Amino acid sequence: MTGPVAQHPDTEAIHANLARQMLGMVFTITEEQNRLARLVLAAREEGMTWTQIGAATGKSRQASWSMWSDSLEDDPAWSDDPIPGL
């Protein structure tokens, strides 16, 4: 961003507020999506692979992973190995 807005002293605060508002929109999900997301997160914390999660949830490996990534092919975590730290 350039110009007067980028130079305004409150630019960082404005961006932080906008990000919070956007996150609120992104995470408006149904109860079923929330339940599945918690199940997937717990499974990842236990070290389950995406294939195992897919089998346990009745969702495909791609559907399980797509909850966490928009670009499956470009993401190094798109392997069947557990993602470190999750």
C-alpha atoms as a PDB file:
ATOM      1  CA  MET A   1       0.000   0.000   0.000  1.00  0.00           C
ATOM      2  CA  THR A   2       1.298   3.445  -0.851  1.00  0.00           C
ATOM      3  CA  GLY A   3       0.206   7.022  -0.425  1.00  0.00           C
ATOM      4  CA  PRO A   4      -1.231   8.863   2.570  1.00  0.00           C
ATOM      5  CA  VAL A   5      -3.002   5.832   4.014  1.00  0.00           C
ATOM      6  CA  ALA A   6       0.217   3.812   4.176  1.00  0.00           C
ATOM      7  CA  GLN A   7       1.931   6.703   5.969  1.00  0.00           C
ATOM      8  CA  HIS A   8      -0.851   7.237   8.496  1.00  0.00           C
ATOM      9  CA  PRO A   9       0.323   6.475  12.069  1.00  0.00           C
ATOM     10  CA  ASP A  10      -2.679   4.203  12.692  1.00  0.00           C
ATOM     11  CA  THR A  11      -2.130   2.038   9.606  1.00  0.00           C
ATOM     12  CA  GLU A  12      -1.006  -1.011  11.622  1.00  0.00           C
ATOM     13  CA  ALA A  13      -3.973  -0.705  13.973  1.00  0.00           C
ATOM     14  CA  ILE A  14      -6.338  -0.369  11.021  1.00  0.00           C
ATOM     15  CA  HIS A  15      -4.866  -3.468   9.385  1.00  0.00           C
ATOM     16  CA  ALA A  16      -5.082  -5.441  12.650  1.00  0.00           C
ATOM     17  CA  ASN A  17      -8.737  -4.464  13.068  1.00  0.00           C
ATOM     18  CA  LEU A  18      -9.511  -5.422   9.473  1.00  0.00           C
ATOM     19  CA  ALA A  19      -7.783  -8.790   9.954  1.00  0.00           C
ATOM     20  CA  ARG A  20      -9.872  -9.472  13.082  1.00  0.00           C
ATOM     21  CA  GLN A  21     -13.047  -8.651  11.179  1.00  0.00           C
ATOM     22  CA  MET A  22     -12.022 -10.915   8.294  1.00  0.00           C
ATOM     23  CA  LEU A  23     -11.219 -13.787  10.659  1.00  0.00           C
ATOM     24  CA  GLY A  24     -14.668 -13.414  12.177  1.00  0.00           C
ATOM     25  CA  MET A  25     -16.173 -13.906   8.738  1.00  0.00           C
ATOM     26  CA  VAL A  26     -13.918 -16.812   7.830  1.00  0.00           C
ATOM     27  CA  PHE A  27     -14.664 -18.740  10.987  1.00  0.00           C
ATOM     28  CA  THR A  28     -18.441 -18.460  10.841  1.00  0.00           C
ATOM     29  CA  ILE A  29     -19.066 -22.180  10.418  1.00  0.00           C
ATOM     30  CA  THR A  30     -21.811 -24.655  11.121  1.00  0.00           C
ATOM     31  CA  GLU A  31     -21.874 -26.860  14.206  1.00  0.00           C
ATOM     32  CA  GLU A  32     -21.074 -29.902  12.040  1.00  0.00           C
ATOM     33  CA  GLN A  33     -18.058 -28.157  10.489  1.00  0.00           C
ATOM     34  CA  ASN A  34     -16.918 -27.116  13.960  1.00  0.00           C
ATOM     35  CA  ARG A  35     -17.267 -30.685  15.256  1.00  0.00           C
ATOM     36  CA  LEU A  36     -15.323 -32.082  12.314  1.00  0.00           C
ATOM     37  CA  ALA A  37     -12.606 -29.427  12.624  1.00  0.00           C
ATOM     38  CA  ARG A  38     -12.114 -30.275  16.308  1.00  0.00           C
ATOM     39  CA  LEU A  39     -12.002 -33.980  15.488  1.00  0.00           C
ATOM     40  CA  VAL A  40      -9.384 -33.428  12.776  1.00  0.00           C
ATOM     41  CA  LEU A  41      -7.268 -31.208  15.033  1.00  0.00           C
ATOM     42  CA  ALA A  42      -7.352 -33.788  17.823  1.00  0.00           C
ATOM     43  CA  ALA A  43      -6.413 -36.537  15.365  1.00  0.00           C
ATOM     44  CA  ARG A  44      -3.475 -34.512  14.032  1.00  0.00           C
ATOM     45  CA  GLU A  45      -2.294 -33.891  17.590  1.00  0.00           C
ATOM     46  CA  GLU A  46      -2.331 -37.676  18.088  1.00  0.00           C
ATOM     47  CA  GLY A  47      -0.133 -38.095  14.999  1.00  0.00           C
ATOM     48  CA  MET A  48      -2.730 -39.521  12.630  1.00  0.00           C
ATOM     49  CA  THR A  49      -2.066 -39.099   8.909  1.00  0.00           C
ATOM     50  CA  TRP A  50      -4.537 -37.418   6.559  1.00  0.00           C
ATOM     51  CA  THR A  51      -5.473 -40.824   5.107  1.00  0.00           C
ATOM     52  CA  GLN A  52      -6.243 -42.173   8.587  1.00  0.00           C
ATOM     53  CA  ILE A  53      -8.289 -39.078   9.408  1.00  0.00           C
ATOM     54  CA  GLY A  54     -10.227 -39.464   6.164  1.00  0.00           C
ATOM     55  CA  ALA A  55     -11.040 -43.074   7.012  1.00  0.00           C
ATOM     56  CA  ALA A  56     -12.066 -42.174  10.570  1.00  0.00           C
ATOM     57  CA  THR A  57     -14.289 -39.265   9.558  1.00  0.00           C
ATOM     58  CA  GLY A  58     -15.745 -40.720   6.397  1.00  0.00           C
ATOM     59  CA  LYS A  59     -14.244 -37.824   4.445  1.00  0.00           C
ATOM     60  CA  SER A  60     -11.649 -38.100   1.729  1.00  0.00           C
ATOM     61  CA  ARG A  61      -8.015 -37.332   2.453  1.00  0.00           C
ATOM     62  CA  GLN A  62      -8.386 -34.210   0.310  1.00  0.00           C
ATOM     63  CA  ALA A  63     -11.511 -33.067   2.158  1.00  0.00           C
ATOM     64  CA  SER A  64      -9.781 -33.530   5.507  1.00  0.00           C
ATOM     65  CA  TRP A  65      -6.744 -31.553   4.426  1.00  0.00           C
ATOM     66  CA  SER A  66      -8.720 -28.846   2.617  1.00  0.00           C
ATOM     67  CA  MET A  67     -10.024 -27.707   5.980  1.00  0.00           C
ATOM     68  CA  TRP A  68      -6.479 -26.455   6.612  1.00  0.00           C
ATOM     69  CA  SER A  69      -5.116 -25.484   3.182  1.00  0.00           C
ATOM     70  CA  ASP A  70      -6.333 -23.805   0.016  1.00  0.00           C
ATOM     71  CA  SER A  71      -3.511 -25.098  -2.184  1.00  0.00           C
ATOM     72  CA  LEU A  72      -3.051 -28.822  -1.818  1.00  0.00           C
ATOM     73  CA  GLU A  73      -0.417 -29.368  -4.496  1.00  0.00           C
ATOM     74  CA  ASP A  74       1.815 -26.447  -3.482  1.00  0.00           C
ATOM     75  CA  ASP A  75       1.904 -27.188   0.220  1.00  0.00           C
ATOM     76  CA  PRO A  76       4.758 -29.377   1.522  1.00  0.00           C
ATOM     77  CA  ALA A  77       2.401 -30.698   4.222  1.00  0.00           C
ATOM     78  CA  TRP A  78       0.342 -32.383   1.476  1.00  0.00           C
ATOM     79  CA  SER A  79       2.069 -35.645   2.267  1.00  0.00           C
ATOM     80  CA  ASP A  80       0.728 -38.456   4.358  1.00  0.00           C
ATOM     81  CA  ASP A  81       3.172 -37.622   7.145  1.00  0.00           C
ATOM     82  CA  PRO A  82       1.948 -35.831  10.258  1.00  0.00           C
ATOM     83  CA  ILE A  83       2.598 -32.095  10.233  1.00  0.00           C
ATOM     84  CA  PRO A  84       5.147 -31.239  12.933  1.00  0.00           C
ATOM     85  CA  GLY A  85       3.686 -29.114  15.686  1.00  0.00           C
ATOM     86  CA  LEU A  86       0.073 -30.111  15.161  1.00  0.00           C
END
